[in-house]
Amino acid sequence: MDGPDRLRSNGMPEYLVERNPGYFEYQLPISVKLVIDINGTIPLLMNERDEWELPGGKLEVGETPEVCVCREVFEELNITVTVEDIIDTWVYEITPLRHTFIVSYGATYTGDEEIRNSNEHKNLGLFTYVDVPSLHMPAPYKHTIRRWQKLMAAR
C-alpha cells in the first residue's frame, strides 16, 4: 500500500511502534478540534471522504493544543475564537491502518467576523444541534457536539 495506509515490513501498521519485543505503543498524529456554538448553530466542514467534521487540525511542534485549534479555526473559517473548555479525547480510526488522537474543545463565538470556507474543505455548513444526529459524520464528533451542548446547558 502507498500513502498513509500501509504496513511496516513486519506486518504491523505504522501507527504502532515496537518498544520491546512483543510490546507495541501508539505513535499517532494529534488533531485538535473545536465545537463552536454560534447562536445555537455549529459550523462543520465537509472533508475529502464526504463527511462533516469539526474545524481544527494537526498539532504542530512547539504549539499548545489551544493555540493550535484557534490557529486552525482562523485558517479554516476566518474567525478568531477563544477556547473555553476541553470536551473529550479519543483515538479515531480513519481507516483500519490510519489512526489519529483527537482532542476536542468547546467555544462560544459572539464576534462579527464573516465566516468563510477555506480551500482545505469541500463545503462549510452551519447546523443546529438537532441537525447533527442525521448528518453523515463520524460518531465521535456527534458525541463531542452533544457533550458541548450539555456542558453549555449546565452553566
C-alpha atoms as a PDB file:
ATOM      1  CA  MET A   1       0.000   0.000   0.000  1.00  0.00           C
ATOM      2  CA  ASP A   2       1.094   3.563  -0.601  1.00  0.00           C
ATOM      3  CA  GLY A   3       0.374   6.688   1.395  1.00  0.00           C
ATOM      4  CA  PRO A   4      -0.817   6.816   4.999  1.00  0.00           C
ATOM      5  CA  ASP A   5      -2.489   3.374   4.918  1.00  0.00           C
ATOM      6  CA  ARG A   6       0.431   1.000   4.849  1.00  0.00           C
ATOM      7  CA  LEU A   7       2.024  -1.730   6.900  1.00  0.00           C
ATOM      8  CA  ARG A   8       5.624  -1.892   8.044  1.00  0.00           C
ATOM      9  CA  SER A   9       7.842  -4.711   6.800  1.00  0.00           C
ATOM     10  CA  ASN A  10       6.953  -6.663   9.981  1.00  0.00           C
ATOM     11  CA  GLY A  11       3.251  -6.554   9.027  1.00  0.00           C
ATOM     12  CA  MET A  12       2.298  -4.044  11.759  1.00  0.00           C
ATOM     13  CA  PRO A  13       0.525  -0.757  10.989  1.00  0.00           C
ATOM     14  CA  GLU A  14       2.713   2.345  11.002  1.00  0.00           C
ATOM     15  CA  TYR A  15       0.869   3.799  13.989  1.00  0.00           C
ATOM     16  CA  LEU A  16       2.290   1.036  16.232  1.00  0.00           C
ATOM     17  CA  VAL A  17       5.909   1.158  17.386  1.00  0.00           C
ATOM     18  CA  GLU A  18       7.570  -1.892  18.935  1.00  0.00           C
ATOM     19  CA  ARG A  19       9.356  -0.627  22.074  1.00  0.00           C
ATOM     20  CA  ASN A  20      10.404  -4.061  23.345  1.00  0.00           C
ATOM     21  CA  PRO A  21       9.921  -7.463  21.725  1.00  0.00           C
ATOM     22  CA  GLY A  22       6.155  -8.002  21.564  1.00  0.00           C
ATOM     23  CA  TYR A  23       5.344  -4.645  23.279  1.00  0.00           C
ATOM     24  CA  PHE A  24       3.772  -2.065  20.988  1.00  0.00           C
ATOM     25  CA  GLU A  25       2.802   1.569  21.620  1.00  0.00           C
ATOM     26  CA  TYR A  26       0.747   4.004  19.587  1.00  0.00           C
ATOM     27  CA  GLN A  27       2.605   6.615  17.599  1.00  0.00           C
ATOM     28  CA  LEU A  28      -0.201   8.854  16.369  1.00  0.00           C
ATOM     29  CA  PRO A  29      -0.669  12.274  14.858  1.00  0.00           C
ATOM     30  CA  ILE A  30      -2.598  14.612  17.153  1.00  0.00           C
ATOM     31  CA  SER A  31      -5.575  16.519  15.785  1.00  0.00           C
ATOM     32  CA  VAL A  32      -7.252  19.250  17.819  1.00  0.00           C
ATOM     33  CA  LYS A  33     -10.910  20.050  17.057  1.00  0.00           C
ATOM     34  CA  LEU A  34     -13.302  22.762  18.235  1.00  0.00           C
ATOM     35  CA  VAL A  35     -17.062  22.760  18.691  1.00  0.00           C
ATOM     36  CA  ILE A  36     -18.070  26.383  18.172  1.00  0.00           C
ATOM     37  CA  ASP A  37     -21.533  27.476  19.235  1.00  0.00           C
ATOM     38  CA  ILE A  38     -22.684  30.427  17.152  1.00  0.00           C
ATOM     39  CA  ASN A  39     -26.142  31.374  18.411  1.00  0.00           C
ATOM     40  CA  GLY A  40     -27.183  27.728  18.607  1.00  0.00           C
ATOM     41  CA  THR A  41     -25.539  26.599  15.377  1.00  0.00           C
ATOM     42  CA  ILE A  42     -22.317  24.660  14.854  1.00  0.00           C
ATOM     43  CA  PRO A  43     -20.010  25.235  11.848  1.00  0.00           C
ATOM     44  CA  LEU A  44     -18.939  21.964  10.238  1.00  0.00           C
ATOM     45  CA  LEU A  45     -16.683  21.286   7.282  1.00  0.00           C
ATOM     46  CA  MET A  46     -17.015  18.675   4.525  1.00  0.00           C
ATOM     47  CA  ASN A  47     -13.817  16.619   4.197  1.00  0.00           C
ATOM     48  CA  GLU A  48     -12.408  14.594   1.290  1.00  0.00           C
ATOM     49  CA  ARG A  49     -14.357  11.498   2.464  1.00  0.00           C
ATOM     50  CA  ASP A  50     -17.640  13.462   2.124  1.00  0.00           C
ATOM     51  CA  GLU A  51     -18.086  13.509   5.906  1.00  0.00           C
ATOM     52  CA  TRP A  52     -18.885  16.524   8.033  1.00  0.00           C
ATOM     53  CA  GLU A  53     -16.221  17.261  10.637  1.00  0.00           C
ATOM     54  CA  LEU A  54     -15.324  19.854  13.219  1.00  0.00           C
ATOM     55  CA  PRO A  55     -12.853  22.607  12.361  1.00  0.00           C
ATOM     56  CA  GLY A  56      -9.332  22.078  13.625  1.00  0.00           C
ATOM     57  CA  GLY A  57      -6.200  20.287  12.591  1.00  0.00           C
ATOM     58  CA  LYS A  58      -2.829  18.795  13.348  1.00  0.00           C
ATOM     59  CA  LEU A  59      -0.796  19.934  16.329  1.00  0.00           C
ATOM     60  CA  GLU A  60       2.498  21.455  15.220  1.00  0.00           C
ATOM     61  CA  VAL A  61       5.772  21.034  17.108  1.00  0.00           C
ATOM     62  CA  GLY A  62       6.032  23.541  19.964  1.00  0.00           C
ATOM     63  CA  GLU A  63       2.356  24.506  19.796  1.00  0.00           C
ATOM     64  CA  THR A  64      -0.156  24.047  22.613  1.00  0.00           C
ATOM     65  CA  PRO A  65      -3.431  22.338  21.689  1.00  0.00           C
ATOM     66  CA  GLU A  66      -5.364  25.527  22.492  1.00  0.00           C
ATOM     67  CA  VAL A  67      -3.167  27.677  20.248  1.00  0.00           C
ATOM     68  CA  CYS A  68      -3.324  25.031  17.522  1.00  0.00           C
ATOM     69  CA  VAL A  69      -7.116  24.864  17.405  1.00  0.00           C
ATOM     70  CA  CYS A  70      -7.502  28.659  17.408  1.00  0.00           C
ATOM     71  CA  ARG A  71      -4.977  28.945  14.558  1.00  0.00           C
ATOM     72  CA  GLU A  72      -6.699  26.195  12.582  1.00  0.00           C
ATOM     73  CA  VAL A  73     -10.159  27.734  13.094  1.00  0.00           C
ATOM     74  CA  PHE A  74      -8.887  31.088  11.843  1.00  0.00           C
ATOM     75  CA  GLU A  75      -7.311  29.401   8.786  1.00  0.00           C
ATOM     76  CA  GLU A  76     -10.421  27.338   8.026  1.00  0.00           C
ATOM     77  CA  LEU A  77     -13.273  29.700   8.999  1.00  0.00           C
ATOM     78  CA  ASN A  78     -11.711  33.183   9.175  1.00  0.00           C
ATOM     79  CA  ILE A  79     -12.923  33.755  12.743  1.00  0.00           C
ATOM     80  CA  THR A  80     -10.977  34.456  15.922  1.00  0.00           C
ATOM     81  CA  VAL A  81     -12.020  32.232  18.818  1.00  0.00           C
ATOM     82  CA  THR A  82     -11.004  31.594  22.406  1.00  0.00           C
ATOM     83  CA  VAL A  83     -11.070  28.043  23.761  1.00  0.00           C
ATOM     84  CA  GLU A  84     -13.372  27.721  26.776  1.00  0.00           C
ATOM     85  CA  ASP A  85     -13.229  24.075  27.892  1.00  0.00           C
ATOM     86  CA  ILE A  86     -11.852  20.712  26.907  1.00  0.00           C
ATOM     87  CA  ILE A  87     -14.685  18.356  25.940  1.00  0.00           C
ATOM     88  CA  ASP A  88     -13.080  14.975  25.361  1.00  0.00           C
ATOM     89  CA  THR A  89     -10.367  12.901  23.701  1.00  0.00           C
ATOM     90  CA  TRP A  90     -10.356   9.690  21.702  1.00  0.00           C
ATOM     91  CA  VAL A  91      -8.403   7.653  19.163  1.00  0.00           C
ATOM     92  CA  TYR A  92     -10.157   7.950  15.828  1.00  0.00           C
ATOM     93  CA  GLU A  93      -9.835   5.115  13.324  1.00  0.00           C
ATOM     94  CA  ILE A  94      -9.931   6.899   9.991  1.00  0.00           C
ATOM     95  CA  THR A  95      -9.195   3.574   8.275  1.00  0.00           C
ATOM     96  CA  PRO A  96      -8.084   0.284   9.856  1.00  0.00           C
ATOM     97  CA  LEU A  97      -4.460   1.315   9.237  1.00  0.00           C
ATOM     98  CA  ARG A  98      -4.727   5.066   9.901  1.00  0.00           C
ATOM     99  CA  HIS A  99      -5.490   6.323  13.408  1.00  0.00           C
ATOM    100  CA  THR A 100      -5.332   9.827  14.924  1.00  0.00           C
ATOM    101  CA  PHE A 101      -5.505  11.007  18.535  1.00  0.00           C
ATOM    102  CA  ILE A 102      -8.261  13.654  18.767  1.00  0.00           C
ATOM    103  CA  VAL A 103      -8.540  16.357  21.428  1.00  0.00           C
ATOM    104  CA  SER A 104     -11.766  18.364  21.310  1.00  0.00           C
ATOM    105  CA  TYR A 105     -12.541  21.713  22.881  1.00  0.00           C
ATOM    106  CA  GLY A 106     -15.589  23.935  23.016  1.00  0.00           C
ATOM    107  CA  ALA A 107     -16.118  27.649  22.454  1.00  0.00           C
ATOM    108  CA  THR A 108     -18.902  30.171  22.051  1.00  0.00           C
ATOM    109  CA  TYR A 109     -18.455  32.690  19.253  1.00  0.00           C
ATOM    110  CA  THR A 110     -20.085  36.108  19.528  1.00  0.00           C
ATOM    111  CA  GLY A 111     -17.835  38.065  17.186  1.00  0.00           C
ATOM    112  CA  ASP A 112     -18.739  39.796  13.958  1.00  0.00           C
ATOM    113  CA  GLU A 113     -16.152  38.352  11.568  1.00  0.00           C
ATOM    114  CA  GLU A 114     -17.652  36.783   8.450  1.00  0.00           C
ATOM    115  CA  ILE A 115     -17.361  33.004   8.470  1.00  0.00           C
ATOM    116  CA  ARG A 116     -15.949  31.606   5.244  1.00  0.00           C
ATOM    117  CA  ASN A 117     -14.781  28.235   3.980  1.00  0.00           C
ATOM    118  CA  SER A 118     -11.097  27.906   3.131  1.00  0.00           C
ATOM    119  CA  ASN A 119      -9.844  25.826   0.229  1.00  0.00           C
ATOM    120  CA  GLU A 120      -8.979  22.981   2.666  1.00  0.00           C
ATOM    121  CA  HIS A 121     -12.544  21.609   2.666  1.00  0.00           C
ATOM    122  CA  LYS A 122     -15.277  20.944   0.116  1.00  0.00           C
ATOM    123  CA  ASN A 123     -18.020  22.820   1.942  1.00  0.00           C
ATOM    124  CA  LEU A 124     -18.979  24.724   5.075  1.00  0.00           C
ATOM    125  CA  GLY A 125     -22.315  24.292   6.809  1.00  0.00           C
ATOM    126  CA  LEU A 126     -23.965  25.779   9.887  1.00  0.00           C
ATOM    127  CA  PHE A 127     -26.103  23.196  11.674  1.00  0.00           C
ATOM    128  CA  THR A 128     -28.326  23.257  14.739  1.00  0.00           C
ATOM    129  CA  TYR A 129     -27.796  20.700  17.492  1.00  0.00           C
ATOM    130  CA  VAL A 130     -30.998  18.978  16.296  1.00  0.00           C
ATOM    131  CA  ASP A 131     -29.495  18.575  12.786  1.00  0.00           C
ATOM    132  CA  VAL A 132     -26.297  16.848  13.932  1.00  0.00           C
ATOM    133  CA  PRO A 133     -27.577  13.267  14.588  1.00  0.00           C
ATOM    134  CA  SER A 134     -28.737  12.877  10.974  1.00  0.00           C
ATOM    135  CA  LEU A 135     -25.526  14.160   9.356  1.00  0.00           C
ATOM    136  CA  HIS A 136     -23.006  11.931   7.578  1.00  0.00           C
ATOM    137  CA  MET A 137     -20.388  12.406  10.271  1.00  0.00           C
ATOM    138  CA  PRO A 138     -18.245  10.105  12.426  1.00  0.00           C
ATOM    139  CA  ALA A 139     -19.998   9.155  15.670  1.00  0.00           C
ATOM    140  CA  PRO A 140     -17.242  10.541  17.957  1.00  0.00           C
ATOM    141  CA  TYR A 141     -17.784  14.031  16.521  1.00  0.00           C
ATOM    142  CA  LYS A 142     -21.528  13.755  17.157  1.00  0.00           C
ATOM    143  CA  HIS A 143     -20.801  12.640  20.720  1.00  0.00           C
ATOM    144  CA  THR A 144     -18.478  15.627  21.261  1.00  0.00           C
ATOM    145  CA  ILE A 145     -21.095  18.069  19.972  1.00  0.00           C
ATOM    146  CA  ARG A 146     -23.731  16.560  22.311  1.00  0.00           C
ATOM    147  CA  ARG A 147     -21.313  16.833  25.243  1.00  0.00           C
ATOM    148  CA  TRP A 148     -20.632  20.502  24.450  1.00  0.00           C
ATOM    149  CA  GLN A 149     -24.354  21.216  24.271  1.00  0.00           C
ATOM    150  CA  LYS A 150     -24.830  19.593  27.715  1.00  0.00           C
ATOM    151  CA  LEU A 151     -21.863  21.486  29.199  1.00  0.00           C
ATOM    152  CA  MET A 152     -23.278  24.778  27.920  1.00  0.00           C
ATOM    153  CA  ALA A 153     -26.748  23.988  29.304  1.00  0.00           C
ATOM    154  CA  ALA A 154     -25.247  23.229  32.729  1.00  0.00           C
ATOM    155  CA  ARG A 155     -23.660  26.698  33.024  1.00  0.00           C
END
